Amino acid sequence: MSINNVNNNGQKQVIDNQKVNQQQSQNHQASEAAAKSTSAQPVRQDSVSLTQSAQQLAQVQKKSTEAPVNQEKVDRLKKAIQSGEYSVNPENLAKNIALQESDIFGRN
């Protein structure tokens, strides 16, 4: 008894080559379609928006850098603090802090 075509690799190799070619063709078509779809989409622009609080903070920071500085007074105060001659009046300090807060936050 003989079995014919048991090791006939010729036909199998042709079928395998056809499958490989078919897959390559499908992959190529898919990549072309993907490239077309990405090029057709509009480009997105990034945007940033600041809250009102952030805008106010930016304005305060800008004003603080533009404020004039009396360097002589600053140097005098530094020297007095370093030598221990500067004393703080807590009542005046509290009053001034309260005044500044009312100016900043609009309270009376």
C-alpha atoms as a PDB file:
ATOM      1  CA  MET A   1       0.000   0.000   0.000  1.00  0.00           C
ATOM      2  CA  SER A   2       1.420   3.360  -0.961  1.00  0.00           C
ATOM      3  CA  ILE A   3       0.455   6.790   0.169  1.00  0.00           C
ATOM      4  CA  ASN A   4       0.837   9.464  -2.454  1.00  0.00           C
ATOM      5  CA  ASN A   5       1.676  13.115  -1.872  1.00  0.00           C
ATOM      6  CA  VAL A   6       2.520  12.776   1.839  1.00  0.00           C
ATOM      7  CA  ASN A   7       5.514  15.029   1.648  1.00  0.00           C
ATOM      8  CA  ASN A   8       4.389  17.278  -1.148  1.00  0.00           C
ATOM      9  CA  ASN A   9       5.614  20.631   0.197  1.00  0.00           C
ATOM     10  CA  GLY A  10       5.418  22.408  -3.133  1.00  0.00           C
ATOM     11  CA  GLN A  11       1.692  23.108  -2.975  1.00  0.00           C
ATOM     12  CA  LYS A  12       1.822  24.056   0.730  1.00  0.00           C
ATOM     13  CA  GLN A  13       4.614  26.534   0.069  1.00  0.00           C
ATOM     14  CA  VAL A  14       2.578  28.195  -2.710  1.00  0.00           C
ATOM     15  CA  ILE A  15      -0.411  28.540  -0.370  1.00  0.00           C
ATOM     16  CA  ASP A  16       1.804  29.934   2.432  1.00  0.00           C
ATOM     17  CA  ASN A  17       3.322  32.499   0.042  1.00  0.00           C
ATOM     18  CA  GLN A  18      -0.150  33.526  -1.068  1.00  0.00           C
ATOM     19  CA  LYS A  19      -1.215  34.044   2.564  1.00  0.00           C
ATOM     20  CA  VAL A  20       1.891  36.116   3.328  1.00  0.00           C
ATOM     21  CA  ASN A  21       1.330  38.277   0.246  1.00  0.00           C
ATOM     22  CA  GLN A  22      -2.317  38.730   1.173  1.00  0.00           C
ATOM     23  CA  GLN A  23      -1.454  39.785   4.730  1.00  0.00           C
ATOM     24  CA  GLN A  24       1.210  42.222   3.526  1.00  0.00           C
ATOM     25  CA  SER A  25      -1.280  43.745   1.122  1.00  0.00           C
ATOM     26  CA  GLN A  26      -3.868  44.140   3.880  1.00  0.00           C
ATOM     27  CA  ASN A  27      -1.303  45.692   6.242  1.00  0.00           C
ATOM     28  CA  HIS A  28      -0.198  48.133   3.537  1.00  0.00           C
ATOM     29  CA  GLN A  29      -3.793  49.154   2.819  1.00  0.00           C
ATOM     30  CA  ALA A  30      -4.504  49.597   6.525  1.00  0.00           C
ATOM     31  CA  SER A  31      -1.440  51.798   7.040  1.00  0.00           C
ATOM     32  CA  GLU A  32      -2.376  53.933   4.022  1.00  0.00           C
ATOM     33  CA  ALA A  33      -5.916  54.350   5.352  1.00  0.00           C
ATOM     34  CA  ALA A  34      -4.576  55.325   8.783  1.00  0.00           C
ATOM     35  CA  ALA A  35      -2.204  57.872   7.256  1.00  0.00           C
ATOM     36  CA  LYS A  36      -5.043  59.424   5.246  1.00  0.00           C
ATOM     37  CA  SER A  37      -7.366  59.643   8.238  1.00  0.00           C
ATOM     38  CA  THR A  38      -4.748  61.313  10.472  1.00  0.00           C
ATOM     39  CA  SER A  39      -3.825  63.855   7.817  1.00  0.00           C
ATOM     40  CA  ALA A  40      -7.476  64.773   7.251  1.00  0.00           C
ATOM     41  CA  GLN A  41      -8.135  65.585  10.920  1.00  0.00           C
ATOM     42  CA  PRO A  42      -7.683  69.233  11.952  1.00  0.00           C
ATOM     43  CA  VAL A  43      -4.748  70.059  14.206  1.00  0.00           C
ATOM     44  CA  ARG A  44      -5.789  70.761  17.775  1.00  0.00           C
ATOM     45  CA  GLN A  45      -4.564  73.895  19.508  1.00  0.00           C
ATOM     46  CA  ASP A  46      -3.673  73.896  23.210  1.00  0.00           C
ATOM     47  CA  SER A  47      -5.247  76.567  25.352  1.00  0.00           C
ATOM     48  CA  VAL A  48      -4.958  77.765  28.918  1.00  0.00           C
ATOM     49  CA  SER A  49      -7.407  79.770  30.983  1.00  0.00           C
ATOM     50  CA  LEU A  50      -6.688  81.280  34.371  1.00  0.00           C
ATOM     51  CA  THR A  51      -9.208  81.586  37.160  1.00  0.00           C
ATOM     52  CA  GLN A  52     -10.092  85.015  38.448  1.00  0.00           C
ATOM     53  CA  SER A  53      -8.040  84.355  41.596  1.00  0.00           C
ATOM     54  CA  ALA A  54      -4.980  83.469  39.533  1.00  0.00           C
ATOM     55  CA  GLN A  55      -5.402  86.629  37.473  1.00  0.00           C
ATOM     56  CA  GLN A  56      -5.636  88.742  40.631  1.00  0.00           C
ATOM     57  CA  LEU A  57      -2.544  87.062  42.064  1.00  0.00           C
ATOM     58  CA  ALA A  58      -0.630  87.796  38.862  1.00  0.00           C
ATOM     59  CA  GLN A  59      -1.651  91.455  39.093  1.00  0.00           C
ATOM     60  CA  VAL A  60      -0.520  91.681  42.725  1.00  0.00           C
ATOM     61  CA  GLN A  61       2.820  90.080  41.881  1.00  0.00           C
ATOM     62  CA  LYS A  62       3.308  92.488  38.994  1.00  0.00           C
ATOM     63  CA  LYS A  63       2.521  95.485  41.199  1.00  0.00           C
ATOM     64  CA  SER A  64       4.896  94.261  43.912  1.00  0.00           C
ATOM     65  CA  THR A  65       7.804  94.102  41.475  1.00  0.00           C
ATOM     66  CA  GLU A  66       7.018  97.585  40.192  1.00  0.00           C
ATOM     67  CA  ALA A  67       6.681  99.150  43.663  1.00  0.00           C
ATOM     68  CA  PRO A  68       9.394 101.653  44.565  1.00  0.00           C
ATOM     69  CA  VAL A  69      11.753 100.615  47.376  1.00  0.00           C
ATOM     70  CA  ASN A  70      13.290 103.079  49.823  1.00  0.00           C
ATOM     71  CA  GLN A  71      16.634 101.317  50.128  1.00  0.00           C
ATOM     72  CA  GLU A  72      17.913 103.702  52.846  1.00  0.00           C
ATOM     73  CA  LYS A  73      14.947 102.825  55.082  1.00  0.00           C
ATOM     74  CA  VAL A  74      15.409  99.107  54.403  1.00  0.00           C
ATOM     75  CA  ASP A  75      19.102  99.317  55.332  1.00  0.00           C
ATOM     76  CA  ARG A  76      18.272 101.298  58.527  1.00  0.00           C
ATOM     77  CA  LEU A  77      15.694  98.702  59.584  1.00  0.00           C
ATOM     78  CA  LYS A  78      18.072  95.792  58.860  1.00  0.00           C
ATOM     79  CA  LYS A  79      20.751  97.420  60.959  1.00  0.00           C
ATOM     80  CA  ALA A  80      18.318  98.093  63.837  1.00  0.00           C
ATOM     81  CA  ILE A  81      17.039  94.496  63.766  1.00  0.00           C
ATOM     82  CA  GLN A  82      20.560  93.027  63.703  1.00  0.00           C
ATOM     83  CA  SER A  83      21.689  95.204  66.620  1.00  0.00           C
ATOM     84  CA  GLY A  84      18.541  94.443  68.637  1.00  0.00           C
ATOM     85  CA  GLU A  85      17.414  98.078  68.752  1.00  0.00           C
ATOM     86  CA  TYR A  86      14.232  97.495  66.724  1.00  0.00           C
ATOM     87  CA  SER A  87      11.150  96.812  68.800  1.00  0.00           C
ATOM     88  CA  VAL A  88       7.729  95.789  67.534  1.00  0.00           C
ATOM     89  CA  ASN A  89       4.551  97.372  68.930  1.00  0.00           C
ATOM     90  CA  PRO A  90       2.032  94.486  68.683  1.00  0.00           C
ATOM     91  CA  GLU A  91      -1.005  96.794  68.775  1.00  0.00           C
ATOM     92  CA  ASN A  92       0.233  98.906  65.867  1.00  0.00           C
ATOM     93  CA  LEU A  93       1.212  95.770  63.961  1.00  0.00           C
ATOM     94  CA  ALA A  94      -2.264  94.228  64.389  1.00  0.00           C
ATOM     95  CA  LYS A  95      -3.933  97.506  63.375  1.00  0.00           C
ATOM     96  CA  ASN A  96      -1.786  97.792  60.225  1.00  0.00           C
ATOM     97  CA  ILE A  97      -2.428  94.161  59.260  1.00  0.00           C
ATOM     98  CA  ALA A  98      -6.182  94.702  59.654  1.00  0.00           C
ATOM     99  CA  LEU A  99      -6.003  97.844  57.484  1.00  0.00           C
ATOM    100  CA  GLN A 100      -4.088  96.030  54.747  1.00  0.00           C
ATOM    101  CA  GLU A 101      -6.546  93.135  54.771  1.00  0.00           C
ATOM    102  CA  SER A 102      -9.470  95.523  54.438  1.00  0.00           C
ATOM    103  CA  ASP A 103      -7.746  97.180  51.489  1.00  0.00           C
ATOM    104  CA  ILE A 104      -7.039  93.859  49.809  1.00  0.00           C
ATOM    105  CA  PHE A 105     -10.372  92.154  50.464  1.00  0.00           C
ATOM    106  CA  GLY A 106     -12.594  95.261  50.406  1.00  0.00           C
ATOM    107  CA  ARG A 107     -13.880  94.950  53.973  1.00  0.00           C
ATOM    108  CA  ASN A 108     -14.494  97.811  56.360  1.00  0.00           C
END
